[in-house]
Amino acid sequence: MLAASASGGGSFLPLLMIVLLFGVMYFMMIRPQQKRRREAAQMQSTLGAGSEVVTIGGLHGTVVETDNDTVTLEAAPGVHLRYARPAVARVISSKNEVPEPAAAPAVETITSPVEPVKD
């Protein structure tokens, strides 16, 4: 009778190990992938005309127009190519990004505590 109760308590440890394994896999693999997918979808939904982008195939171009499913890129002057939105891998620069002007360094006036000698 004592042996039966001891073996029943030992079966909880493998179940706990499996639950911990799934927890570690979620935080190490599934959650970061969901975050990357969410960021890519947000980036692709905010594309606008004038943005410079790179496609998943490595093509650099400027967005000319967009609609719900496609993006038209200008790869060279007069060369327009139509891509699916998910084919845009990253945005290099956006038309909405205005670089901030560099602040001029503050100029400090230093006065000498020593007065010149008068003749």
PDB file of N, CA and C in Angstrom:
ATOM      1  N   MET A   1       0.826  -1.177   0.000  1.00  0.00           N
ATOM      2  CA  MET A   1       0.000   0.000   0.000  1.00  0.00           C
ATOM      3  C   MET A   1       0.876   1.249   0.000  1.00  0.00           C
ATOM      4  N   LEU A   2       1.961   1.222   0.709  1.00  0.00           N
ATOM      5  CA  LEU A   2       2.878   2.348   0.755  1.00  0.00           C
ATOM      6  C   LEU A   2       3.547   2.574  -0.602  1.00  0.00           C
ATOM      7  N   ALA A   3       3.846   1.516  -1.314  1.00  0.00           N
ATOM      8  CA  ALA A   3       4.484   1.617  -2.624  1.00  0.00           C
ATOM      9  C   ALA A   3       3.526   2.232  -3.646  1.00  0.00           C
ATOM     10  N   ALA A   4       2.234   1.964  -3.541  1.00  0.00           N
ATOM     11  CA  ALA A   4       1.253   2.509  -4.488  1.00  0.00           C
ATOM     12  C   ALA A   4       1.132   4.021  -4.327  1.00  0.00           C
ATOM     13  N   SER A   5       1.151   4.525  -3.113  1.00  0.00           N
ATOM     14  CA  SER A   5       1.032   5.967  -2.902  1.00  0.00           C
ATOM     15  C   SER A   5       2.318   6.687  -3.329  1.00  0.00           C
ATOM     16  N   ALA A   6       3.452   6.070  -3.215  1.00  0.00           N
ATOM     17  CA  ALA A   6       4.715   6.686  -3.608  1.00  0.00           C
ATOM     18  C   ALA A   6       4.805   6.801  -5.129  1.00  0.00           C
ATOM     19  N   SER A   7       4.321   5.803  -5.873  1.00  0.00           N
ATOM     20  CA  SER A   7       4.398   5.873  -7.325  1.00  0.00           C
ATOM     21  C   SER A   7       3.370   6.854  -7.881  1.00  0.00           C
ATOM     22  N   GLY A   8       2.260   7.053  -7.211  1.00  0.00           N
ATOM     23  CA  GLY A   8       1.254   8.010  -7.653  1.00  0.00           C
ATOM     24  C   GLY A   8       1.764   9.436  -7.546  1.00  0.00           C
ATOM     25  N   GLY A   9       2.537   9.767  -6.574  1.00  0.00           N
ATOM     26  CA  GLY A   9       3.086  11.107  -6.404  1.00  0.00           C
ATOM     27  C   GLY A   9       4.199  11.400  -7.399  1.00  0.00           C
ATOM     28  N   GLY A  10       4.890  10.408  -7.891  1.00  0.00           N
ATOM     29  CA  GLY A  10       5.993  10.585  -8.822  1.00  0.00           C
ATOM     30  C   GLY A  10       5.531  10.884 -10.241  1.00  0.00           C
ATOM     31  N   SER A  11       4.280  10.626 -10.578  1.00  0.00           N
ATOM     32  CA  SER A  11       3.791  10.855 -11.934  1.00  0.00           C
ATOM     33  C   SER A  11       3.513  12.341 -12.187  1.00  0.00           C
ATOM     34  N   PHE A  12       3.516  13.151 -11.166  1.00  0.00           N
ATOM     35  CA  PHE A  12       3.281  14.586 -11.317  1.00  0.00           C
ATOM     36  C   PHE A  12       4.500  15.294 -11.912  1.00  0.00           C
ATOM     37  N   LEU A  13       5.695  14.798 -11.641  1.00  0.00           N
ATOM     38  CA  LEU A  13       6.928  15.426 -12.127  1.00  0.00           C
ATOM     39  C   LEU A  13       7.055  15.415 -13.656  1.00  0.00           C
ATOM     40  N   PRO A  14       6.785  14.325 -14.352  1.00  0.00           N
ATOM     41  CA  PRO A  14       6.864  14.381 -15.823  1.00  0.00           C
ATOM     42  C   PRO A  14       5.848  15.357 -16.432  1.00  0.00           C
ATOM     43  N   LEU A  15       4.677  15.426 -15.859  1.00  0.00           N
ATOM     44  CA  LEU A  15       3.666  16.366 -16.345  1.00  0.00           C
ATOM     45  C   LEU A  15       4.143  17.802 -16.147  1.00  0.00           C
ATOM     46  N   LEU A  16       4.749  18.073 -15.022  1.00  0.00           N
ATOM     47  CA  LEU A  16       5.297  19.413 -14.761  1.00  0.00           C
ATOM     48  C   LEU A  16       6.419  19.752 -15.740  1.00  0.00           C
ATOM     49  N   MET A  17       7.263  18.796 -16.072  1.00  0.00           N
ATOM     50  CA  MET A  17       8.346  19.021 -17.023  1.00  0.00           C
ATOM     51  C   MET A  17       7.797  19.343 -18.422  1.00  0.00           C
ATOM     52  N   ILE A  18       6.737  18.665 -18.830  1.00  0.00           N
ATOM     53  CA  ILE A  18       6.133  18.924 -20.144  1.00  0.00           C
ATOM     54  C   ILE A  18       5.534  20.325 -20.177  1.00  0.00           C
ATOM     55  N   VAL A  19       4.848  20.722 -19.122  1.00  0.00           N
ATOM     56  CA  VAL A  19       4.266  22.062 -19.053  1.00  0.00           C
ATOM     57  C   VAL A  19       5.375  23.115 -19.086  1.00  0.00           C
ATOM     58  N   LEU A  20       6.461  22.914 -18.363  1.00  0.00           N
ATOM     59  CA  LEU A  20       7.586  23.844 -18.385  1.00  0.00           C
ATOM     60  C   LEU A  20       8.233  23.913 -19.766  1.00  0.00           C
ATOM     61  N   LEU A  21       8.339  22.786 -20.444  1.00  0.00           N
ATOM     62  CA  LEU A  21       8.901  22.762 -21.790  1.00  0.00           C
ATOM     63  C   LEU A  21       8.057  23.592 -22.751  1.00  0.00           C
ATOM     64  N   PHE A  22       6.723  23.446 -22.690  1.00  0.00           N
ATOM     65  CA  PHE A  22       5.848  24.248 -23.538  1.00  0.00           C
ATOM     66  C   PHE A  22       5.933  25.726 -23.180  1.00  0.00           C
ATOM     67  N   GLY A  23       6.067  26.039 -21.909  1.00  0.00           N
ATOM     68  CA  GLY A  23       6.216  27.437 -21.490  1.00  0.00           C
ATOM     69  C   GLY A  23       7.492  28.055 -22.034  1.00  0.00           C
ATOM     70  N   VAL A  24       8.587  27.334 -21.971  1.00  0.00           N
ATOM     71  CA  VAL A  24       9.859  27.835 -22.484  1.00  0.00           C
ATOM     72  C   VAL A  24       9.788  28.005 -24.000  1.00  0.00           C
ATOM     73  N   MET A  25       9.183  27.049 -24.702  1.00  0.00           N
ATOM     74  CA  MET A  25       9.062  27.156 -26.158  1.00  0.00           C
ATOM     75  C   MET A  25       8.206  28.360 -26.543  1.00  0.00           C
ATOM     76  N   TYR A  26       7.159  28.645 -25.768  1.00  0.00           N
ATOM     77  CA  TYR A  26       6.301  29.792 -26.078  1.00  0.00           C
ATOM     78  C   TYR A  26       7.101  31.087 -25.978  1.00  0.00           C
ATOM     79  N   PHE A  27       7.833  31.267 -24.889  1.00  0.00           N
ATOM     80  CA  PHE A  27       8.559  32.517 -24.682  1.00  0.00           C
ATOM     81  C   PHE A  27       9.817  32.629 -25.542  1.00  0.00           C
ATOM     82  N   MET A  28      10.391  31.523 -25.974  1.00  0.00           N
ATOM     83  CA  MET A  28      11.615  31.579 -26.768  1.00  0.00           C
ATOM     84  C   MET A  28      11.362  31.572 -28.277  1.00  0.00           C
ATOM     85  N   MET A  29      10.240  30.986 -28.731  1.00  0.00           N
ATOM     86  CA  MET A  29      10.025  30.841 -30.169  1.00  0.00           C
ATOM     87  C   MET A  29       8.732  31.490 -30.659  1.00  0.00           C
ATOM     88  N   ILE A  30       7.628  31.179 -30.054  1.00  0.00           N
ATOM     89  CA  ILE A  30       6.331  31.612 -30.582  1.00  0.00           C
ATOM     90  C   ILE A  30       6.103  33.098 -30.356  1.00  0.00           C
ATOM     91  N   ARG A  31       6.335  33.584 -29.180  1.00  0.00           N
ATOM     92  CA  ARG A  31       6.067  34.996 -28.867  1.00  0.00           C
ATOM     93  C   ARG A  31       6.931  35.963 -29.685  1.00  0.00           C
ATOM     94  N   PRO A  32       8.242  35.745 -29.822  1.00  0.00           N
ATOM     95  CA  PRO A  32       9.037  36.658 -30.665  1.00  0.00           C
ATOM     96  C   PRO A  32       8.600  36.646 -32.131  1.00  0.00           C
ATOM     97  N   GLN A  33       8.191  35.481 -32.650  1.00  0.00           N
ATOM     98  CA  GLN A  33       7.729  35.406 -34.033  1.00  0.00           C
ATOM     99  C   GLN A  33       6.431  36.192 -34.210  1.00  0.00           C
ATOM    100  N   GLN A  34       5.528  36.117 -33.253  1.00  0.00           N
ATOM    101  CA  GLN A  34       4.285  36.895 -33.321  1.00  0.00           C
ATOM    102  C   GLN A  34       4.579  38.385 -33.285  1.00  0.00           C
ATOM    103  N   LYS A  35       5.553  38.789 -32.489  1.00  0.00           N
ATOM    104  CA  LYS A  35       5.922  40.207 -32.406  1.00  0.00           C
ATOM    105  C   LYS A  35       6.483  40.694 -33.740  1.00  0.00           C
ATOM    106  N   ARG A  36       7.374  39.903 -34.368  1.00  0.00           N
ATOM    107  CA  ARG A  36       7.930  40.284 -35.678  1.00  0.00           C
ATOM    108  C   ARG A  36       6.832  40.369 -36.734  1.00  0.00           C
ATOM    109  N   ARG A  37       5.884  39.429 -36.717  1.00  0.00           N
ATOM    110  CA  ARG A  37       4.801  39.436 -37.686  1.00  0.00           C
ATOM    111  C   ARG A  37       3.911  40.669 -37.496  1.00  0.00           C
ATOM    112  N   ARG A  38       3.640  41.031 -36.261  1.00  0.00           N
ATOM    113  CA  ARG A  38       2.818  42.212 -35.958  1.00  0.00           C
ATOM    114  C   ARG A  38       3.517  43.490 -36.423  1.00  0.00           C
ATOM    115  N   GLU A  39       4.836  43.598 -36.177  1.00  0.00           N
ATOM    116  CA  GLU A  39       5.595  44.778 -36.608  1.00  0.00           C
ATOM    117  C   GLU A  39       5.634  44.888 -38.127  1.00  0.00           C
ATOM    118  N   ALA A  40       5.803  43.755 -38.826  1.00  0.00           N
ATOM    119  CA  ALA A  40       5.832  43.777 -40.295  1.00  0.00           C
ATOM    120  C   ALA A  40       4.477  44.190 -40.857  1.00  0.00           C
ATOM    121  N   ALA A  41       3.398  43.678 -40.290  1.00  0.00           N
ATOM    122  CA  ALA A  41       2.059  44.045 -40.765  1.00  0.00           C
ATOM    123  C   ALA A  41       1.794  45.524 -40.535  1.00  0.00           C
ATOM    124  N   GLN A  42       2.237  46.063 -39.404  1.00  0.00           N
ATOM    125  CA  GLN A  42       2.040  47.489 -39.119  1.00  0.00           C
ATOM    126  C   GLN A  42       2.845  48.332 -40.086  1.00  0.00           C
ATOM    127  N   MET A  43       4.081  47.929 -40.390  1.00  0.00           N
ATOM    128  CA  MET A  43       4.924  48.663 -41.324  1.00  0.00           C
ATOM    129  C   MET A  43       4.320  48.648 -42.717  1.00  0.00           C
ATOM    130  N   GLN A  44       3.813  47.501 -43.151  1.00  0.00           N
ATOM    131  CA  GLN A  44       3.239  47.383 -44.490  1.00  0.00           C
ATOM    132  C   GLN A  44       1.925  48.143 -44.615  1.00  0.00           C
ATOM    133  N   SER A  45       1.193  48.291 -43.533  1.00  0.00           N
ATOM    134  CA  SER A  45      -0.081  49.015 -43.606  1.00  0.00           C
ATOM    135  C   SER A  45       0.125  50.528 -43.620  1.00  0.00           C
ATOM    136  N   THR A  46       1.283  51.016 -43.200  1.00  0.00           N
ATOM    137  CA  THR A  46       1.525  52.459 -43.162  1.00  0.00           C
ATOM    138  C   THR A  46       2.337  52.961 -44.348  1.00  0.00           C
ATOM    139  N   LEU A  47       2.529  52.116 -45.361  1.00  0.00           N
ATOM    140  CA  LEU A  47       3.272  52.554 -46.547  1.00  0.00           C
ATOM    141  C   LEU A  47       2.511  53.668 -47.248  1.00  0.00           C
ATOM    142  N   GLY A  48       3.252  54.647 -47.744  1.00  0.00           N
ATOM    143  CA  GLY A  48       2.641  55.744 -48.474  1.00  0.00           C
ATOM    144  C   GLY A  48       3.525  56.172 -49.627  1.00  0.00           C
ATOM    145  N   ALA A  49       2.957  56.949 -50.526  1.00  0.00           N
ATOM    146  CA  ALA A  49       3.706  57.416 -51.682  1.00  0.00           C
ATOM    147  C   ALA A  49       4.916  58.218 -51.227  1.00  0.00           C
ATOM    148  N   GLY A  50       6.048  57.953 -51.847  1.00  0.00           N
ATOM    149  CA  GLY A  50       7.286  58.656 -51.516  1.00  0.00           C
ATOM    150  C   GLY A  50       8.201  57.885 -50.594  1.00  0.00           C
ATOM    151  N   SER A  51       7.730  56.812 -49.992  1.00  0.00           N
ATOM    152  CA  SER A  51       8.568  56.011 -49.103  1.00  0.00           C
ATOM    153  C   SER A  51       9.539  55.176 -49.918  1.00  0.00           C
ATOM    154  N   GLU A  52      10.774  55.115 -49.472  1.00  0.00           N
ATOM    155  CA  GLU A  52      11.772  54.258 -50.114  1.00  0.00           C
ATOM    156  C   GLU A  52      11.776  52.926 -49.383  1.00  0.00           C
ATOM    157  N   VAL A  53      11.638  51.825 -50.152  1.00  0.00           N
ATOM    158  CA  VAL A  53      11.488  50.501 -49.555  1.00  0.00           C
ATOM    159  C   VAL A  53      12.421  49.502 -50.213  1.00  0.00           C
ATOM    160  N   VAL A  54      12.577  48.348 -49.557  1.00  0.00           N
ATOM    161  CA  VAL A  54      13.298  47.204 -50.100  1.00  0.00           C
ATOM    162  C   VAL A  54      12.339  46.024 -50.045  1.00  0.00           C
ATOM    163  N   THR A  55      12.210  45.290 -51.155  1.00  0.00           N
ATOM    164  CA  THR A  55      11.335  44.125 -51.186  1.00  0.00           C
ATOM    165  C   THR A  55      12.066  42.906 -50.646  1.00  0.00           C
ATOM    166  N   ILE A  56      11.328  41.813 -50.463  1.00  0.00           N
ATOM    167  CA  ILE A  56      11.955  40.591 -49.961  1.00  0.00           C
ATOM    168  C   ILE A  56      12.933  40.015 -50.975  1.00  0.00           C
ATOM    169  N   GLY A  57      12.793  40.416 -52.249  1.00  0.00           N
ATOM    170  CA  GLY A  57      13.717  39.971 -53.284  1.00  0.00           C
ATOM    171  C   GLY A  57      14.946  40.849 -53.410  1.00  0.00           C
ATOM    172  N   GLY A  58      14.996  41.960 -52.655  1.00  0.00           N
ATOM    173  CA  GLY A  58      16.160  42.835 -52.672  1.00  0.00           C
ATOM    174  C   GLY A  58      16.022  44.032 -53.587  1.00  0.00           C
ATOM    175  N   LEU A  59      14.858  44.251 -54.195  1.00  0.00           N
ATOM    176  CA  LEU A  59      14.660  45.380 -55.091  1.00  0.00           C
ATOM    177  C   LEU A  59      14.450  46.656 -54.277  1.00  0.00           C
ATOM    178  N   HIS A  60      15.221  47.682 -54.582  1.00  0.00           N
ATOM    179  CA  HIS A  60      15.066  48.987 -53.944  1.00  0.00           C
ATOM    180  C   HIS A  60      14.184  49.837 -54.838  1.00  0.00           C
ATOM    181  N   GLY A  61      13.213  50.526 -54.251  1.00  0.00           N
ATOM    182  CA  GLY A  61      12.333  51.367 -55.042  1.00  0.00           C
ATOM    183  C   GLY A  61      11.619  52.384 -54.189  1.00  0.00           C
ATOM    184  N   THR A  62      10.908  53.280 -54.856  1.00  0.00           N
ATOM    185  CA  THR A  62      10.129  54.324 -54.193  1.00  0.00           C
ATOM    186  C   THR A  62       8.663  54.043 -54.445  1.00  0.00           C
ATOM    187  N   VAL A  63       7.857  54.111 -53.399  1.00  0.00           N
ATOM    188  CA  VAL A  63       6.426  53.853 -53.517  1.00  0.00           C
ATOM    189  C   VAL A  63       5.790  54.992 -54.303  1.00  0.00           C
ATOM    190  N   VAL A  64       5.053  54.626 -55.370  1.00  0.00           N
ATOM    191  CA  VAL A  64       4.363  55.604 -56.191  1.00  0.00           C
ATOM    192  C   VAL A  64       2.899  55.680 -55.772  1.00  0.00           C
ATOM    193  N   GLU A  65       2.257  54.502 -55.605  1.00  0.00           N
ATOM    194  CA  GLU A  65       0.872  54.468 -55.154  1.00  0.00           C
ATOM    195  C   GLU A  65       0.609  53.161 -54.430  1.00  0.00           C
ATOM    196  N   THR A  66      -0.430  53.153 -53.622  1.00  0.00           N
ATOM    197  CA  THR A  66      -0.806  51.962 -52.867  1.00  0.00           C
ATOM    198  C   THR A  66      -2.311  51.772 -52.964  1.00  0.00           C
ATOM    199  N   ASP A  67      -2.733  50.522 -52.812  1.00  0.00           N
ATOM    200  CA  ASP A  67      -4.145  50.224 -52.601  1.00  0.00           C
ATOM    201  C   ASP A  67      -4.215  49.157 -51.517  1.00  0.00           C
ATOM    202  N   ASN A  68      -5.359  48.500 -51.360  1.00  0.00           N
ATOM    203  CA  ASN A  68      -5.520  47.575 -50.237  1.00  0.00           C
ATOM    204  C   ASN A  68      -4.539  46.414 -50.260  1.00  0.00           C
ATOM    205  N   ASP A  69      -4.271  45.854 -51.445  1.00  0.00           N
ATOM    206  CA  ASP A  69      -3.456  44.649 -51.525  1.00  0.00           C
ATOM    207  C   ASP A  69      -2.098  44.838 -52.184  1.00  0.00           C
ATOM    208  N   THR A  70      -1.921  45.904 -52.958  1.00  0.00           N
ATOM    209  CA  THR A  70      -0.693  46.045 -53.731  1.00  0.00           C
ATOM    210  C   THR A  70      -0.008  47.380 -53.488  1.00  0.00           C
ATOM    211  N   VAL A  71       1.263  47.419 -53.856  1.00  0.00           N
ATOM    212  CA  VAL A  71       2.086  48.620 -53.776  1.00  0.00           C
ATOM    213  C   VAL A  71       2.773  48.765 -55.123  1.00  0.00           C
ATOM    214  N   THR A  72       2.716  49.936 -55.719  1.00  0.00           N
ATOM    215  CA  THR A  72       3.407  50.189 -56.980  1.00  0.00           C
ATOM    216  C   THR A  72       4.697  50.933 -56.672  1.00  0.00           C
ATOM    217  N   LEU A  73       5.816  50.340 -57.115  1.00  0.00           N
ATOM    218  CA  LEU A  73       7.135  50.908 -56.848  1.00  0.00           C
ATOM    219  C   LEU A  73       7.731  51.450 -58.140  1.00  0.00           C
ATOM    220  N   GLU A  74       8.523  52.498 -58.005  1.00  0.00           N
ATOM    221  CA  GLU A  74       9.292  53.013 -59.128  1.00  0.00           C
ATOM    222  C   GLU A  74      10.742  52.602 -58.877  1.00  0.00           C
ATOM    223  N   ALA A  75      11.220  51.635 -59.684  1.00  0.00           N
ATOM    224  CA  ALA A  75      12.569  51.112 -59.509  1.00  0.00           C
ATOM    225  C   ALA A  75      13.595  51.994 -60.196  1.00  0.00           C
ATOM    226  N   ALA A  76      13.217  52.602 -61.311  1.00  0.00           N
ATOM    227  CA  ALA A  76      14.060  53.532 -62.069  1.00  0.00           C
ATOM    228  C   ALA A  76      13.103  54.562 -62.668  1.00  0.00           C
ATOM    229  N   PRO A  77      13.615  55.687 -63.123  1.00  0.00           N
ATOM    230  CA  PRO A  77      12.705  56.681 -63.698  1.00  0.00           C
ATOM    231  C   PRO A  77      11.855  56.085 -64.827  1.00  0.00           C
ATOM    232  N   GLY A  78      10.542  56.106 -64.641  1.00  0.00           N
ATOM    233  CA  GLY A  78       9.614  55.582 -65.631  1.00  0.00           C
ATOM    234  C   GLY A  78       9.359  54.091 -65.548  1.00  0.00           C
ATOM    235  N   VAL A  79      10.014  53.356 -64.657  1.00  0.00           N
ATOM    236  CA  VAL A  79       9.823  51.907 -64.513  1.00  0.00           C
ATOM    237  C   VAL A  79       8.991  51.663 -63.259  1.00  0.00           C
ATOM    238  N   HIS A  80       7.725  51.278 -63.448  1.00  0.00           N
ATOM    239  CA  HIS A  80       6.818  51.045 -62.326  1.00  0.00           C
ATOM    240  C   HIS A  80       6.543  49.551 -62.211  1.00  0.00           C
ATOM    241  N   LEU A  81       6.668  49.021 -61.016  1.00  0.00           N
ATOM    242  CA  LEU A  81       6.454  47.606 -60.737  1.00  0.00           C
ATOM    243  C   LEU A  81       5.410  47.477 -59.638  1.00  0.00           C
ATOM    244  N   ARG A  82       4.509  46.505 -59.801  1.00  0.00           N
ATOM    245  CA  ARG A  82       3.448  46.308 -58.807  1.00  0.00           C
ATOM    246  C   ARG A  82       3.760  45.070 -57.977  1.00  0.00           C
ATOM    247  N   TYR A  83       3.731  45.219 -56.650  1.00  0.00           N
ATOM    248  CA  TYR A  83       4.031  44.137 -55.718  1.00  0.00           C
ATOM    249  C   TYR A  83       2.892  43.989 -54.721  1.00  0.00           C
ATOM    250  N   ALA A  84       2.766  42.807 -54.155  1.00  0.00           N
ATOM    251  CA  ALA A  84       1.847  42.598 -53.041  1.00  0.00           C
ATOM    252  C   ALA A  84       2.446  43.273 -51.812  1.00  0.00           C
ATOM    253  N   ARG A  85       1.611  43.815 -50.947  1.00  0.00           N
ATOM    254  CA  ARG A  85       2.105  44.503 -49.746  1.00  0.00           C
ATOM    255  C   ARG A  85       3.051  43.641 -48.905  1.00  0.00           C
ATOM    256  N   PRO A  86       2.743  42.345 -48.682  1.00  0.00           N
ATOM    257  CA  PRO A  86       3.659  41.535 -47.867  1.00  0.00           C
ATOM    258  C   PRO A  86       5.040  41.349 -48.482  1.00  0.00           C
ATOM    259  N   ALA A  87       5.232  41.702 -49.762  1.00  0.00           N
ATOM    260  CA  ALA A  87       6.546  41.567 -50.390  1.00  0.00           C
ATOM    261  C   ALA A  87       7.504  42.671 -49.973  1.00  0.00           C
ATOM    262  N   VAL A  88       7.008  43.696 -49.294  1.00  0.00           N
ATOM    263  CA  VAL A  88       7.879  44.773 -48.824  1.00  0.00           C
ATOM    264  C   VAL A  88       8.519  44.315 -47.522  1.00  0.00           C
ATOM    265  N   ALA A  89       9.845  44.225 -47.531  1.00  0.00           N
ATOM    266  CA  ALA A  89      10.566  43.724 -46.365  1.00  0.00           C
ATOM    267  C   ALA A  89      10.833  44.821 -45.345  1.00  0.00           C
ATOM    268  N   ARG A  90      11.240  46.011 -45.821  1.00  0.00           N
ATOM    269  CA  ARG A  90      11.534  47.086 -44.872  1.00  0.00           C
ATOM    270  C   ARG A  90      11.434  48.437 -45.565  1.00  0.00           C
ATOM    271  N   VAL A  91      11.242  49.453 -44.755  1.00  0.00           N
ATOM    272  CA  VAL A  91      11.175  50.823 -45.239  1.00  0.00           C
ATOM    273  C   VAL A  91      12.504  51.481 -44.918  1.00  0.00           C
ATOM    274  N   ILE A  92      13.158  52.026 -45.948  1.00  0.00           N
ATOM    275  CA  ILE A  92      14.437  52.704 -45.743  1.00  0.00           C
ATOM    276  C   ILE A  92      14.196  54.115 -45.236  1.00  0.00           C
ATOM    277  N   SER A  93      13.330  54.848 -45.931  1.00  0.00           N
ATOM    278  CA  SER A  93      12.958  56.178 -45.466  1.00  0.00           C
ATOM    279  C   SER A  93      11.526  56.442 -45.877  1.00  0.00           C
ATOM    280  N   SER A  94      10.862  57.202 -45.062  1.00  0.00           N
ATOM    281  CA  SER A  94       9.466  57.509 -45.314  1.00  0.00           C
ATOM    282  C   SER A  94       9.330  58.969 -45.656  1.00  0.00           C
ATOM    283  N   LYS A  95       8.337  59.303 -46.449  1.00  0.00           N
ATOM    284  CA  LYS A  95       8.139  60.711 -46.806  1.00  0.00           C
ATOM    285  C   LYS A  95       7.751  61.533 -45.595  1.00  0.00           C
ATOM    286  N   ASN A  96       7.208  60.879 -44.582  1.00  0.00           N
ATOM    287  CA  ASN A  96       6.780  61.589 -43.381  1.00  0.00           C
ATOM    288  C   ASN A  96       7.931  61.866 -42.433  1.00  0.00           C
ATOM    289  N   GLU A  97       9.060  61.201 -42.644  1.00  0.00           N
ATOM    290  CA  GLU A  97      10.206  61.403 -41.770  1.00  0.00           C
ATOM    291  C   GLU A  97      10.938  62.669 -42.183  1.00  0.00           C
ATOM    292  N   VAL A  98      10.915  63.667 -41.338  1.00  0.00           N
ATOM    293  CA  VAL A  98      11.635  64.902 -41.602  1.00  0.00           C
ATOM    294  C   VAL A  98      12.805  64.941 -40.644  1.00  0.00           C
ATOM    295  N   PRO A  99      14.023  64.955 -41.156  1.00  0.00           N
ATOM    296  CA  PRO A  99      15.168  64.964 -40.246  1.00  0.00           C
ATOM    297  C   PRO A  99      15.177  66.253 -39.429  1.00  0.00           C
ATOM    298  N   GLU A 100      15.442  66.101 -38.165  1.00  0.00           N
ATOM    299  CA  GLU A 100      15.507  67.265 -37.296  1.00  0.00           C
ATOM    300  C   GLU A 100      16.819  68.000 -37.540  1.00  0.00           C
ATOM    301  N   PRO A 101      16.750  69.320 -37.613  1.00  0.00           N
ATOM    302  CA  PRO A 101      18.002  70.056 -37.811  1.00  0.00           C
ATOM    303  C   PRO A 101      18.895  69.907 -36.589  1.00  0.00           C
ATOM    304  N   ALA A 102      20.166  69.865 -36.853  1.00  0.00           N
ATOM    305  CA  ALA A 102      21.123  69.742 -35.759  1.00  0.00           C
ATOM    306  C   ALA A 102      21.127  71.034 -34.957  1.00  0.00           C
ATOM    307  N   ALA A 103      21.047  70.891 -33.668  1.00  0.00           N
ATOM    308  CA  ALA A 103      21.042  72.066 -32.805  1.00  0.00           C
ATOM    309  C   ALA A 103      22.447  72.660 -32.757  1.00  0.00           C
ATOM    310  N   ALA A 104      22.506  73.967 -32.870  1.00  0.00           N
ATOM    311  CA  ALA A 104      23.794  74.644 -32.788  1.00  0.00           C
ATOM    312  C   ALA A 104      24.291  74.569 -31.357  1.00  0.00           C
ATOM    313  N   PRO A 105      25.580  74.360 -31.179  1.00  0.00           N
ATOM    314  CA  PRO A 105      26.097  74.302 -29.815  1.00  0.00           C
ATOM    315  C   PRO A 105      25.931  75.661 -29.125  1.00  0.00           C
ATOM    316  N   ALA A 106      25.632  75.579 -27.871  1.00  0.00           N
ATOM    317  CA  ALA A 106      25.455  76.805 -27.103  1.00  0.00           C
ATOM    318  C   ALA A 106      26.802  77.525 -26.971  1.00  0.00           C
ATOM    319  N   VAL A 107      26.784  78.825 -27.208  1.00  0.00           N
ATOM    320  CA  VAL A 107      28.002  79.619 -27.111  1.00  0.00           C
ATOM    321  C   VAL A 107      27.974  80.331 -25.769  1.00  0.00           C
ATOM    322  N   GLU A 108      29.017  80.122 -25.009  1.00  0.00           N
ATOM    323  CA  GLU A 108      29.097  80.730 -23.687  1.00  0.00           C
ATOM    324  C   GLU A 108      30.116  81.865 -23.739  1.00  0.00           C
ATOM    325  N   THR A 109      29.694  83.020 -23.286  1.00  0.00           N
ATOM    326  CA  THR A 109      30.598  84.167 -23.254  1.00  0.00           C
ATOM    327  C   THR A 109      31.352  84.139 -21.936  1.00  0.00           C
ATOM    328  N   ILE A 110      32.656  84.194 -22.044  1.00  0.00           N
ATOM    329  CA  ILE A 110      33.496  84.163 -20.843  1.00  0.00           C
ATOM    330  C   ILE A 110      34.090  85.557 -20.655  1.00  0.00           C
ATOM    331  N   THR A 111      33.880  86.099 -19.495  1.00  0.00           N
ATOM    332  CA  THR A 111      34.494  87.404 -19.174  1.00  0.00           C
ATOM    333  C   THR A 111      35.631  87.169 -18.213  1.00  0.00           C
ATOM    334  N   SER A 112      36.677  87.907 -18.411  1.00  0.00           N
ATOM    335  CA  SER A 112      37.861  87.750 -17.576  1.00  0.00           C
ATOM    336  C   SER A 112      37.664  88.487 -16.250  1.00  0.00           C
ATOM    337  N   PRO A 113      37.984  87.843 -15.146  1.00  0.00           N
ATOM    338  CA  PRO A 113      37.871  88.500 -13.858  1.00  0.00           C
ATOM    339  C   PRO A 113      39.005  89.490 -13.602  1.00  0.00           C
ATOM    340  N   VAL A 114      40.009  89.447 -14.481  1.00  0.00           N
ATOM    341  CA  VAL A 114      41.162  90.334 -14.322  1.00  0.00           C
ATOM    342  C   VAL A 114      40.929  91.576 -15.202  1.00  0.00           C
ATOM    343  N   GLU A 115      41.072  92.746 -14.563  1.00  0.00           N
ATOM    344  CA  GLU A 115      40.899  93.987 -15.319  1.00  0.00           C
ATOM    345  C   GLU A 115      42.240  94.396 -15.909  1.00  0.00           C
ATOM    346  N   PRO A 116      42.234  94.961 -17.108  1.00  0.00           N
ATOM    347  CA  PRO A 116      43.500  95.366 -17.717  1.00  0.00           C
ATOM    348  C   PRO A 116      44.130  96.532 -16.933  1.00  0.00           C
ATOM    349  N   VAL A 117      45.425  96.580 -16.964  1.00  0.00           N
ATOM    350  CA  VAL A 117      46.159  97.638 -16.271  1.00  0.00           C
ATOM    351  C   VAL A 117      46.141  98.888 -17.141  1.00  0.00           C
ATOM    352  N   LYS A 118      45.770 100.041 -16.512  1.00  0.00           N
ATOM    353  CA  LYS A 118      45.715 101.317 -17.258  1.00  0.00           C
ATOM    354  C   LYS A 118      47.001 102.089 -17.000  1.00  0.00           C
ATOM    355  N   ASP A 119      47.586 102.647 -18.004  1.00  0.00           N
ATOM    356  CA  ASP A 119      48.818 103.417 -17.880  1.00  0.00           C
ATOM    357  C   ASP A 119      48.549 104.847 -17.531  1.00  0.00           C
TER     358      ASP A 119
END
